[in-house]
Amino acid sequence: MFLVALISAMLALPLYTGEEPEKQVPAVGISTNIPYDITWVPGYGVTSIPSVSMEFYPTQWRRVTLGADVEFPMWKNWDTHRFMQINNLTFWARRYFFAHARESADRFRGPYLFANVNAARYSIGFDMHGWQGEGVGASLGFGYKWLLGKRLFIDTGLALGYFYSRYDPFVFGNDGTGWYYYDFQGDPVNFVPRRMELHWMFYPTRVYISVGLDFFRRKK
């Protein structure tokens, strides 16, 4: 009877294969900016600005991550002369206050500081008047990330900085051609593209309330 019980107990034990349990570490977080997704623009109504943000988690760093954002609305309505076409690319680095547990499934979270640079091109028009140009900028900001469950997170932040752009206003010709023209009253021979400048200094340059997912990779 004892022998039968011993054999049964041995069969119930898990087999030892000599391999350690598989470990995972955070690899990348992918999110979208909710305020951009439900943007309201006068004259347009709700105009979604599609956006994707990727945050890369280097395993050799315990507090620093790298990331990139892209926004790409391409709305246009020729009949009402309204356009919202923007391509914006941002690169950034974050420094978290809470140290990440290196080489573990622990995730980056809590308050952080960040710096970013961006480049954009745009064509925005309302009621036959618009602006077309390109610009670059740099910002500093503060944010906070909350973890929800094993993968989900909410990421918020605000940045202040500088944005410089060269642009031209344009108007609808209303001459039967259906064309748009740069708003320039002088001799066309003297026209120089991107003759106007915009300096946006020490104002908000980024605001985000993002929802995203963390993805893991196997630790080798």
Protein backbone atom coordinates (compact mmCIF):
# COMPACT_ATOMS: atom_id res chain seq x y z
CA MET A 1 0.00 0.00 0.00
CA PHE A 2 2.84 2.39 0.88
CA LEU A 3 4.63 1.50 -2.37
CA VAL A 4 1.55 2.30 -4.41
CA ALA A 5 1.18 5.67 -2.67
CA LEU A 6 4.87 6.48 -3.24
CA ILE A 7 4.69 5.65 -6.96
CA SER A 8 1.52 7.74 -7.32
CA ALA A 9 3.20 10.72 -5.63
CA MET A 10 6.26 10.42 -7.89
CA LEU A 11 4.10 10.35 -11.02
CA ALA A 12 2.34 13.51 -9.85
CA LEU A 13 5.62 15.46 -9.59
CA PRO A 14 6.57 17.69 -12.56
CA LEU A 15 9.44 16.40 -14.66
CA TYR A 16 12.73 18.32 -14.35
CA THR A 17 14.14 19.12 -17.78
CA GLY A 18 17.19 21.10 -16.66
CA GLU A 19 15.82 24.29 -18.28
CA GLU A 20 14.99 27.44 -16.35
CA PRO A 21 11.53 29.02 -16.75
CA GLU A 22 11.36 31.33 -19.75
CA LYS A 23 11.88 35.00 -18.86
CA GLN A 24 10.45 38.01 -20.66
CA VAL A 25 11.47 41.66 -20.69
CA PRO A 26 9.56 44.70 -22.04
CA ALA A 27 10.48 45.46 -25.65
CA VAL A 28 8.22 48.22 -26.98
CA GLY A 29 5.06 50.13 -26.10
CA ILE A 30 2.63 51.21 -28.84
CA SER A 31 -0.07 53.81 -28.18
CA THR A 32 -2.38 56.38 -29.75
CA ASN A 33 -3.15 59.91 -28.55
CA ILE A 34 -6.86 60.12 -27.64
CA PRO A 35 -7.20 63.96 -27.88
CA TYR A 36 -5.82 63.79 -31.43
CA ASP A 37 -8.25 61.01 -32.30
CA ILE A 38 -11.24 63.19 -31.32
CA THR A 39 -9.88 66.61 -32.35
CA TRP A 40 -12.51 69.29 -32.94
CA VAL A 41 -11.59 71.99 -35.45
CA PRO A 42 -13.78 75.06 -36.11
CA GLY A 43 -15.39 74.69 -39.49
CA TYR A 44 -14.69 70.98 -39.62
CA GLY A 45 -16.31 69.50 -36.52
CA VAL A 46 -14.70 66.34 -35.20
CA THR A 47 -11.58 65.82 -37.29
CA SER A 48 -9.49 62.85 -36.25
CA ILE A 49 -5.72 63.25 -36.39
CA PRO A 50 -4.38 59.69 -36.71
CA SER A 51 -1.36 59.23 -34.48
CA VAL A 52 0.94 56.39 -33.48
CA SER A 53 3.58 56.47 -30.74
CA MET A 54 6.28 53.84 -30.15
CA GLU A 55 8.40 53.68 -27.00
CA PHE A 56 11.47 51.44 -27.07
CA TYR A 57 12.73 49.92 -23.81
CA PRO A 58 16.52 49.30 -23.94
CA THR A 59 17.36 46.48 -21.52
CA GLN A 60 20.71 48.07 -20.63
CA TRP A 61 19.06 51.24 -19.30
CA ARG A 62 17.03 51.29 -16.10
CA ARG A 63 15.50 54.76 -16.35
CA VAL A 64 15.81 55.92 -19.97
CA THR A 65 13.65 55.03 -22.99
CA LEU A 66 13.58 56.22 -26.60
CA GLY A 67 10.57 56.82 -28.80
CA ALA A 68 8.98 58.27 -31.90
CA ASP A 69 5.56 59.72 -32.76
CA VAL A 70 3.92 60.25 -36.13
CA GLU A 71 0.74 62.20 -36.93
CA PHE A 72 -0.76 62.08 -40.41
CA PRO A 73 -4.20 63.68 -40.94
CA MET A 74 -4.96 64.08 -44.65
CA TRP A 75 -8.47 65.53 -44.65
CA LYS A 76 -9.59 67.56 -47.67
CA ASN A 77 -12.87 68.86 -49.02
CA TRP A 78 -12.56 70.69 -52.31
CA ASP A 79 -16.20 71.81 -52.38
CA THR A 80 -15.99 73.69 -49.06
CA HIS A 81 -12.31 74.68 -49.48
CA ARG A 82 -11.25 73.06 -46.23
CA PHE A 83 -8.02 71.16 -45.77
CA MET A 84 -6.25 69.55 -42.82
CA GLN A 85 -3.13 67.86 -44.17
CA ILE A 86 -0.23 67.42 -41.75
CA ASN A 87 2.77 65.11 -41.63
CA ASN A 88 4.60 65.40 -38.31
CA LEU A 89 7.46 63.20 -37.09
CA THR A 90 8.81 63.47 -33.53
CA PHE A 91 11.77 61.75 -31.86
CA TRP A 92 12.08 61.82 -28.08
CA ALA A 93 13.90 60.47 -25.02
CA ARG A 94 12.48 59.96 -21.53
CA ARG A 95 14.06 59.75 -18.11
CA TYR A 96 11.84 57.98 -15.55
CA PHE A 97 12.11 58.72 -11.84
CA PHE A 98 11.38 55.11 -10.84
CA ALA A 99 14.14 52.68 -11.81
CA HIS A 100 13.12 49.81 -14.06
CA ALA A 101 14.11 46.36 -12.76
CA ARG A 102 16.62 45.38 -15.42
CA GLU A 103 16.22 42.02 -17.17
CA SER A 104 12.82 41.34 -15.66
CA ALA A 105 9.18 41.67 -16.66
CA ASP A 106 8.96 44.89 -14.61
CA ARG A 107 7.65 47.76 -16.77
CA PHE A 108 8.52 51.43 -17.03
CA ARG A 109 6.00 53.50 -15.10
CA GLY A 110 5.42 56.63 -13.03
CA PRO A 111 6.65 60.22 -13.54
CA TYR A 112 9.26 61.15 -16.14
CA LEU A 113 10.95 64.05 -17.90
CA PHE A 114 11.37 64.09 -21.66
CA ALA A 115 12.95 66.03 -24.52
CA ASN A 116 11.95 65.87 -28.16
CA VAL A 117 12.64 67.26 -31.63
CA ASN A 118 10.19 67.25 -34.51
CA ALA A 119 9.80 68.11 -38.18
CA ALA A 120 6.50 68.81 -39.94
CA ARG A 121 4.94 69.86 -43.21
CA TYR A 122 1.39 71.08 -43.52
CA SER A 123 -1.37 72.47 -45.70
CA ILE A 124 -4.30 73.86 -43.71
CA GLY A 125 -7.17 75.78 -45.28
CA PHE A 126 -10.50 77.32 -44.25
CA ASP A 127 -13.06 79.00 -46.52
CA MET A 128 -10.76 79.54 -49.52
CA HIS A 129 -7.86 80.80 -47.36
CA GLY A 130 -5.03 78.61 -46.13
CA TRP A 131 -1.37 78.17 -45.23
CA GLN A 132 1.23 75.78 -46.56
CA GLY A 133 4.72 75.26 -45.19
CA GLU A 134 7.32 73.28 -43.28
CA GLY A 135 8.78 73.60 -39.80
CA VAL A 136 11.03 72.16 -37.10
CA GLY A 137 10.86 72.34 -33.31
CA ALA A 138 12.24 71.22 -29.96
CA SER A 139 10.55 70.84 -26.56
CA LEU A 140 10.97 69.82 -22.93
CA GLY A 141 8.16 68.26 -20.93
CA PHE A 142 6.85 66.23 -18.02
CA GLY A 143 4.66 63.14 -18.09
CA TYR A 144 3.25 60.24 -16.11
CA LYS A 145 2.50 56.64 -17.07
CA TRP A 146 -0.05 54.44 -15.30
CA LEU A 147 -0.03 50.66 -15.71
CA LEU A 148 -3.36 48.86 -16.10
CA GLY A 149 -3.04 45.10 -15.95
CA LYS A 150 -0.19 43.13 -17.51
CA ARG A 151 0.05 45.05 -20.79
CA LEU A 152 -2.28 48.06 -20.93
CA PHE A 153 -1.14 51.56 -19.91
CA ILE A 154 -2.26 55.20 -19.93
CA ASP A 155 0.41 57.77 -20.76
CA THR A 156 -0.03 61.54 -20.27
CA GLY A 157 2.26 64.48 -20.82
CA LEU A 158 2.72 68.17 -21.62
CA ALA A 159 5.65 69.86 -23.37
CA LEU A 160 6.68 73.49 -23.85
CA GLY A 161 9.13 74.54 -26.51
CA TYR A 162 9.92 76.28 -29.75
CA PHE A 163 8.61 75.71 -33.27
CA TYR A 164 9.95 77.51 -36.32
CA SER A 165 8.20 77.43 -39.68
CA ARG A 166 8.47 79.03 -43.09
CA TYR A 167 5.17 79.18 -44.95
CA ASP A 168 3.02 80.86 -47.57
CA PRO A 169 -0.67 81.80 -47.40
CA PHE A 170 -2.80 80.66 -50.32
CA VAL A 171 -6.23 81.56 -51.70
CA PHE A 172 -8.75 80.02 -54.07
CA GLY A 173 -8.54 81.88 -57.37
CA ASN A 174 -12.29 81.79 -58.05
CA ASP A 175 -11.46 82.31 -61.73
CA GLY A 176 -13.09 79.24 -63.19
CA THR A 177 -9.88 77.17 -63.19
CA GLY A 178 -10.45 75.55 -59.80
CA TRP A 179 -6.84 76.33 -58.88
CA TYR A 180 -5.33 77.71 -55.68
CA TYR A 181 -2.70 80.43 -55.75
CA TYR A 182 -0.15 81.78 -53.29
CA ASP A 183 -1.51 84.98 -51.77
CA PHE A 184 1.05 87.37 -53.28
CA GLN A 185 0.12 90.81 -54.62
CA GLY A 186 3.44 91.83 -56.14
CA ASP A 187 5.12 91.09 -59.44
CA PRO A 188 5.24 87.28 -59.91
CA VAL A 189 8.88 87.65 -60.96
CA ASN A 190 9.71 88.76 -57.40
CA PHE A 191 7.87 85.92 -55.70
CA VAL A 192 10.03 83.84 -53.34
CA PRO A 193 8.47 80.64 -51.92
CA ARG A 194 8.17 80.31 -48.13
CA ARG A 195 8.74 84.02 -47.63
CA MET A 196 6.88 84.21 -44.30
CA GLU A 197 8.08 83.00 -40.90
CA LEU A 198 6.41 81.70 -37.75
CA HIS A 199 8.15 81.65 -34.36
CA TRP A 200 6.17 79.70 -31.73
CA MET A 201 8.25 80.12 -28.57
CA PHE A 202 7.68 78.80 -25.04
CA TYR A 203 4.14 77.69 -25.77
CA PRO A 204 2.61 74.20 -25.55
CA THR A 205 3.95 72.04 -28.37
CA ARG A 206 2.72 68.60 -27.25
CA VAL A 207 -0.27 67.47 -25.21
CA TYR A 208 -1.19 63.82 -25.00
CA ILE A 209 -3.40 61.38 -23.14
CA SER A 210 -2.50 58.10 -24.77
CA VAL A 211 -3.73 54.55 -24.36
CA GLY A 212 -1.43 51.71 -25.39
CA LEU A 213 -0.05 48.22 -24.96
CA ASP A 214 3.36 46.95 -23.89
CA PHE A 215 4.91 44.09 -25.85
CA PHE A 216 7.54 41.74 -24.45
CA ARG A 217 10.37 39.66 -25.86
CA ARG A 218 12.09 36.58 -24.57
CA LYS A 219 15.22 37.14 -22.56
CA LYS A 220 18.14 35.25 -24.07
